[in-house]
Amino acid sequence: QVQLVESGGGLVQAGGSLRLSCAASGNIFNLNAMGWYRQAPGKQRELVATMTRGVIRKYADSAKGRFTISRDNAKNTVYLEMNNLKPEDTAVYYCTISRTVVDAPAFWGQGTQVSVSS
Protein backbone atom coordinates (compact mmCIF):
# COMPACT_ATOMS: atom_id res chain seq x y z
CA GLN A 1 0.00 0.00 0.00
CA VAL A 2 1.02 3.59 -0.62
CA GLN A 3 0.18 6.67 1.41
CA LEU A 4 0.38 10.25 0.13
CA VAL A 5 0.07 13.04 2.68
CA GLU A 6 -0.37 16.57 1.37
CA SER A 7 0.03 19.91 3.11
CA GLY A 8 0.27 23.59 2.24
CA GLY A 9 -3.09 24.55 0.80
CA GLY A 10 -4.98 27.63 1.89
CA LEU A 11 -6.49 30.96 0.92
CA VAL A 12 -4.44 33.55 -0.92
CA GLN A 13 -5.12 36.72 -2.86
CA ALA A 14 -4.63 36.87 -6.61
CA GLY A 15 -0.98 37.39 -7.44
CA GLY A 16 0.13 35.59 -4.30
CA SER A 17 2.05 32.36 -3.82
CA LEU A 18 1.59 29.01 -2.14
CA ARG A 19 3.77 25.94 -1.76
CA LEU A 20 2.27 22.48 -1.61
CA SER A 21 4.10 19.47 -0.21
CA CYS A 22 3.38 15.77 -0.44
CA ALA A 23 5.21 12.95 1.30
CA ALA A 24 4.93 9.41 0.00
CA SER A 25 5.39 6.24 2.02
CA GLY A 26 4.86 2.54 1.54
CA ASN A 27 5.71 0.38 -1.45
CA ILE A 28 6.77 3.04 -3.97
CA PHE A 29 9.77 1.24 -5.42
CA ASN A 30 8.41 1.03 -8.99
CA LEU A 31 6.49 4.29 -8.88
CA ASN A 32 8.91 6.83 -10.29
CA ALA A 33 6.75 9.85 -11.01
CA MET A 34 5.12 12.08 -8.43
CA GLY A 35 2.94 15.00 -9.26
CA TRP A 36 -0.19 17.07 -8.80
CA TYR A 37 -3.66 17.09 -10.27
CA ARG A 38 -6.45 19.52 -9.46
CA GLN A 39 -10.21 19.61 -9.63
CA ALA A 40 -12.18 22.82 -9.67
CA PRO A 41 -15.90 22.91 -8.84
CA GLY A 42 -17.93 21.57 -11.75
CA LYS A 43 -14.85 20.61 -13.75
CA GLN A 44 -12.95 17.44 -14.49
CA ARG A 45 -9.79 16.56 -12.65
CA GLU A 46 -6.73 17.71 -14.63
CA LEU A 47 -2.98 17.31 -14.53
CA VAL A 48 -1.02 20.26 -13.14
CA ALA A 49 2.54 18.93 -13.10
CA THR A 50 4.46 15.71 -12.64
CA MET A 51 8.10 14.68 -12.54
CA THR A 52 10.33 11.65 -12.25
CA ARG A 53 13.03 11.08 -9.66
CA GLY A 54 15.40 12.64 -12.22
CA VAL A 55 14.86 15.72 -14.35
CA ILE A 56 11.88 14.81 -16.50
CA ARG A 57 9.03 17.22 -15.82
CA LYS A 58 5.63 17.63 -17.43
CA TYR A 59 3.44 20.70 -16.95
CA ALA A 60 -0.05 21.66 -17.97
CA ASP A 61 -0.10 24.75 -20.20
CA SER A 62 -1.92 26.64 -17.45
CA ALA A 63 0.96 25.97 -15.05
CA LYS A 64 3.92 26.77 -17.29
CA GLY A 65 5.81 29.87 -16.20
CA ARG A 66 3.97 30.16 -12.89
CA PHE A 67 4.27 26.79 -11.15
CA THR A 68 7.42 24.80 -10.40
CA ILE A 69 7.49 21.16 -9.39
CA SER A 70 10.44 19.75 -7.49
CA ARG A 71 11.35 16.67 -5.48
CA ASP A 72 13.44 15.59 -2.55
CA ASN A 73 14.05 11.95 -3.40
CA ALA A 74 15.67 11.19 -0.06
CA LYS A 75 12.42 12.22 1.64
CA ASN A 76 10.08 10.84 -1.06
CA THR A 77 8.52 14.28 -1.12
CA VAL A 78 7.25 16.35 -4.01
CA TYR A 79 6.62 20.09 -3.92
CA LEU A 80 4.59 22.47 -6.03
CA GLU A 81 5.59 26.11 -5.86
CA MET A 82 2.75 28.21 -7.22
CA ASN A 83 3.34 31.87 -8.03
CA ASN A 84 1.17 34.61 -9.50
CA LEU A 85 -1.93 32.68 -8.51
CA LYS A 86 -5.20 33.47 -10.26
CA PRO A 87 -8.81 32.92 -9.16
CA GLU A 88 -9.08 30.20 -11.81
CA ASP A 89 -6.42 28.23 -9.94
CA THR A 90 -8.95 27.67 -7.17
CA ALA A 91 -9.37 23.90 -6.81
CA VAL A 92 -8.67 20.88 -4.71
CA TYR A 93 -5.10 19.81 -5.44
CA TYR A 94 -4.29 16.11 -5.29
CA CYS A 95 -0.87 14.56 -4.94
CA THR A 96 -0.33 11.56 -7.19
CA ILE A 97 2.22 8.85 -7.79
CA SER A 98 2.59 6.77 -10.94
CA ARG A 99 5.02 4.56 -12.79
CA THR A 100 6.01 7.23 -15.33
CA VAL A 101 5.00 10.79 -16.22
CA VAL A 102 2.72 9.46 -18.99
CA ASP A 103 0.95 6.82 -16.90
CA ALA A 104 -2.26 7.46 -15.03
CA PRO A 105 -1.79 7.87 -11.29
CA ALA A 106 -1.66 4.65 -9.33
CA PHE A 107 -2.45 6.33 -6.01
CA TRP A 108 -3.98 9.63 -4.93
CA GLY A 109 -3.67 11.79 -1.86
CA GLN A 110 -6.69 13.05 0.04
CA GLY A 111 -6.49 16.50 -1.55
CA THR A 112 -5.79 19.98 -0.25
CA GLN A 113 -7.89 23.05 -0.98
CA VAL A 114 -6.33 26.05 -2.71
CA SER A 115 -8.52 29.13 -2.90
CA VAL A 116 -7.50 32.31 -4.70
CA SER A 117 -9.53 35.45 -4.12
CA SER A 118 -9.73 38.29 -6.62
C-alpha atoms as a PDB file:
ATOM      1  CA  GLN A   1       0.000   0.000   0.000  1.00  0.00           C
ATOM      2  CA  VAL A   2       1.017   3.595  -0.622  1.00  0.00           C
ATOM      3  CA  GLN A   3       0.184   6.670   1.407  1.00  0.00           C
ATOM      4  CA  LEU A   4       0.377  10.248   0.133  1.00  0.00           C
ATOM      5  CA  VAL A   5       0.066  13.041   2.677  1.00  0.00           C
ATOM      6  CA  GLU A   6      -0.374  16.573   1.373  1.00  0.00           C
ATOM      7  CA  SER A   7       0.028  19.912   3.108  1.00  0.00           C
ATOM      8  CA  GLY A   8       0.273  23.589   2.240  1.00  0.00           C
ATOM      9  CA  GLY A   9      -3.089  24.551   0.804  1.00  0.00           C
ATOM     10  CA  GLY A  10      -4.982  27.626   1.893  1.00  0.00           C
ATOM     11  CA  LEU A  11      -6.489  30.964   0.917  1.00  0.00           C
ATOM     12  CA  VAL A  12      -4.436  33.553  -0.917  1.00  0.00           C
ATOM     13  CA  GLN A  13      -5.120  36.721  -2.856  1.00  0.00           C
ATOM     14  CA  ALA A  14      -4.634  36.868  -6.610  1.00  0.00           C
ATOM     15  CA  GLY A  15      -0.976  37.389  -7.436  1.00  0.00           C
ATOM     16  CA  GLY A  16       0.131  35.587  -4.298  1.00  0.00           C
ATOM     17  CA  SER A  17       2.051  32.360  -3.823  1.00  0.00           C
ATOM     18  CA  LEU A  18       1.594  29.008  -2.143  1.00  0.00           C
ATOM     19  CA  ARG A  19       3.772  25.938  -1.759  1.00  0.00           C
ATOM     20  CA  LEU A  20       2.267  22.479  -1.609  1.00  0.00           C
ATOM     21  CA  SER A  21       4.096  19.472  -0.208  1.00  0.00           C
ATOM     22  CA  CYS A  22       3.378  15.768  -0.435  1.00  0.00           C
ATOM     23  CA  ALA A  23       5.207  12.953   1.303  1.00  0.00           C
ATOM     24  CA  ALA A  24       4.932   9.406  -0.001  1.00  0.00           C
ATOM     25  CA  SER A  25       5.387   6.238   2.020  1.00  0.00           C
ATOM     26  CA  GLY A  26       4.861   2.537   1.538  1.00  0.00           C
ATOM     27  CA  ASN A  27       5.710   0.375  -1.447  1.00  0.00           C
ATOM     28  CA  ILE A  28       6.771   3.039  -3.970  1.00  0.00           C
ATOM     29  CA  PHE A  29       9.773   1.239  -5.424  1.00  0.00           C
ATOM     30  CA  ASN A  30       8.407   1.032  -8.994  1.00  0.00           C
ATOM     31  CA  LEU A  31       6.488   4.291  -8.884  1.00  0.00           C
ATOM     32  CA  ASN A  32       8.907   6.830 -10.289  1.00  0.00           C
ATOM     33  CA  ALA A  33       6.754   9.850 -11.015  1.00  0.00           C
ATOM     34  CA  MET A  34       5.123  12.080  -8.433  1.00  0.00           C
ATOM     35  CA  GLY A  35       2.936  15.005  -9.263  1.00  0.00           C
ATOM     36  CA  TRP A  36      -0.186  17.065  -8.798  1.00  0.00           C
ATOM     37  CA  TYR A  37      -3.663  17.092 -10.272  1.00  0.00           C
ATOM     38  CA  ARG A  38      -6.449  19.519  -9.458  1.00  0.00           C
ATOM     39  CA  GLN A  39     -10.207  19.612  -9.630  1.00  0.00           C
ATOM     40  CA  ALA A  40     -12.178  22.823  -9.667  1.00  0.00           C
ATOM     41  CA  PRO A  41     -15.902  22.914  -8.845  1.00  0.00           C
ATOM     42  CA  GLY A  42     -17.928  21.571 -11.754  1.00  0.00           C
ATOM     43  CA  LYS A  43     -14.852  20.612 -13.751  1.00  0.00           C
ATOM     44  CA  GLN A  44     -12.949  17.437 -14.487  1.00  0.00           C
ATOM     45  CA  ARG A  45      -9.788  16.556 -12.655  1.00  0.00           C
ATOM     46  CA  GLU A  46      -6.733  17.709 -14.625  1.00  0.00           C
ATOM     47  CA  LEU A  47      -2.977  17.307 -14.529  1.00  0.00           C
ATOM     48  CA  VAL A  48      -1.025  20.259 -13.141  1.00  0.00           C
ATOM     49  CA  ALA A  49       2.542  18.930 -13.104  1.00  0.00           C
ATOM     50  CA  THR A  50       4.457  15.708 -12.644  1.00  0.00           C
ATOM     51  CA  MET A  51       8.102  14.679 -12.538  1.00  0.00           C
ATOM     52  CA  THR A  52      10.333  11.654 -12.255  1.00  0.00           C
ATOM     53  CA  ARG A  53      13.034  11.077  -9.661  1.00  0.00           C
ATOM     54  CA  GLY A  54      15.396  12.638 -12.218  1.00  0.00           C
ATOM     55  CA  VAL A  55      14.860  15.722 -14.345  1.00  0.00           C
ATOM     56  CA  ILE A  56      11.878  14.812 -16.499  1.00  0.00           C
ATOM     57  CA  ARG A  57       9.027  17.216 -15.820  1.00  0.00           C
ATOM     58  CA  LYS A  58       5.632  17.628 -17.430  1.00  0.00           C
ATOM     59  CA  TYR A  59       3.443  20.698 -16.946  1.00  0.00           C
ATOM     60  CA  ALA A  60      -0.054  21.665 -17.971  1.00  0.00           C
ATOM     61  CA  ASP A  61      -0.101  24.752 -20.199  1.00  0.00           C
ATOM     62  CA  SER A  62      -1.917  26.644 -17.453  1.00  0.00           C
ATOM     63  CA  ALA A  63       0.962  25.968 -15.051  1.00  0.00           C
ATOM     64  CA  LYS A  64       3.920  26.770 -17.294  1.00  0.00           C
ATOM     65  CA  GLY A  65       5.813  29.869 -16.204  1.00  0.00           C
ATOM     66  CA  ARG A  66       3.975  30.165 -12.887  1.00  0.00           C
ATOM     67  CA  PHE A  67       4.268  26.788 -11.155  1.00  0.00           C
ATOM     68  CA  THR A  68       7.425  24.798 -10.397  1.00  0.00           C
ATOM     69  CA  ILE A  69       7.492  21.155  -9.388  1.00  0.00           C
ATOM     70  CA  SER A  70      10.441  19.749  -7.491  1.00  0.00           C
ATOM     71  CA  ARG A  71      11.346  16.670  -5.475  1.00  0.00           C
ATOM     72  CA  ASP A  72      13.441  15.595  -2.551  1.00  0.00           C
ATOM     73  CA  ASN A  73      14.047  11.950  -3.401  1.00  0.00           C
ATOM     74  CA  ALA A  74      15.671  11.192  -0.063  1.00  0.00           C
ATOM     75  CA  LYS A  75      12.424  12.216   1.643  1.00  0.00           C
ATOM     76  CA  ASN A  76      10.084  10.836  -1.058  1.00  0.00           C
ATOM     77  CA  THR A  77       8.517  14.275  -1.116  1.00  0.00           C
ATOM     78  CA  VAL A  78       7.251  16.353  -4.013  1.00  0.00           C
ATOM     79  CA  TYR A  79       6.619  20.093  -3.920  1.00  0.00           C
ATOM     80  CA  LEU A  80       4.590  22.468  -6.032  1.00  0.00           C
ATOM     81  CA  GLU A  81       5.595  26.105  -5.862  1.00  0.00           C
ATOM     82  CA  MET A  82       2.748  28.215  -7.217  1.00  0.00           C
ATOM     83  CA  ASN A  83       3.341  31.868  -8.032  1.00  0.00           C
ATOM     84  CA  ASN A  84       1.167  34.607  -9.500  1.00  0.00           C
ATOM     85  CA  LEU A  85      -1.931  32.677  -8.515  1.00  0.00           C
ATOM     86  CA  LYS A  86      -5.197  33.472 -10.264  1.00  0.00           C
ATOM     87  CA  PRO A  87      -8.807  32.923  -9.162  1.00  0.00           C
ATOM     88  CA  GLU A  88      -9.077  30.204 -11.814  1.00  0.00           C
ATOM     89  CA  ASP A  89      -6.419  28.233  -9.938  1.00  0.00           C
ATOM     90  CA  THR A  90      -8.950  27.670  -7.166  1.00  0.00           C
ATOM     91  CA  ALA A  91      -9.374  23.901  -6.813  1.00  0.00           C
ATOM     92  CA  VAL A  92      -8.672  20.876  -4.706  1.00  0.00           C
ATOM     93  CA  TYR A  93      -5.105  19.810  -5.445  1.00  0.00           C
ATOM     94  CA  TYR A  94      -4.290  16.113  -5.287  1.00  0.00           C
ATOM     95  CA  CYS A  95      -0.866  14.561  -4.937  1.00  0.00           C
ATOM     96  CA  THR A  96      -0.325  11.563  -7.187  1.00  0.00           C
ATOM     97  CA  ILE A  97       2.221   8.854  -7.794  1.00  0.00           C
ATOM     98  CA  SER A  98       2.593   6.770 -10.935  1.00  0.00           C
ATOM     99  CA  ARG A  99       5.016   4.557 -12.794  1.00  0.00           C
ATOM    100  CA  THR A 100       6.014   7.233 -15.327  1.00  0.00           C
ATOM    101  CA  VAL A 101       5.003  10.790 -16.220  1.00  0.00           C
ATOM    102  CA  VAL A 102       2.725   9.462 -18.990  1.00  0.00           C
ATOM    103  CA  ASP A 103       0.951   6.824 -16.903  1.00  0.00           C
ATOM    104  CA  ALA A 104      -2.258   7.463 -15.034  1.00  0.00           C
ATOM    105  CA  PRO A 105      -1.794   7.866 -11.290  1.00  0.00           C
ATOM    106  CA  ALA A 106      -1.661   4.654  -9.327  1.00  0.00           C
ATOM    107  CA  PHE A 107      -2.445   6.330  -6.007  1.00  0.00           C
ATOM    108  CA  TRP A 108      -3.976   9.630  -4.933  1.00  0.00           C
ATOM    109  CA  GLY A 109      -3.669  11.791  -1.856  1.00  0.00           C
ATOM    110  CA  GLN A 110      -6.686  13.049   0.036  1.00  0.00           C
ATOM    111  CA  GLY A 111      -6.488  16.502  -1.545  1.00  0.00           C
ATOM    112  CA  THR A 112      -5.793  19.984  -0.246  1.00  0.00           C
ATOM    113  CA  GLN A 113      -7.885  23.053  -0.976  1.00  0.00           C
ATOM    114  CA  VAL A 114      -6.334  26.048  -2.709  1.00  0.00           C
ATOM    115  CA  SER A 115      -8.524  29.126  -2.901  1.00  0.00           C
ATOM    116  CA  VAL A 116      -7.497  32.307  -4.697  1.00  0.00           C
ATOM    117  CA  SER A 117      -9.530  35.449  -4.120  1.00  0.00           C
ATOM    118  CA  SER A 118      -9.729  38.292  -6.618  1.00  0.00           C
END
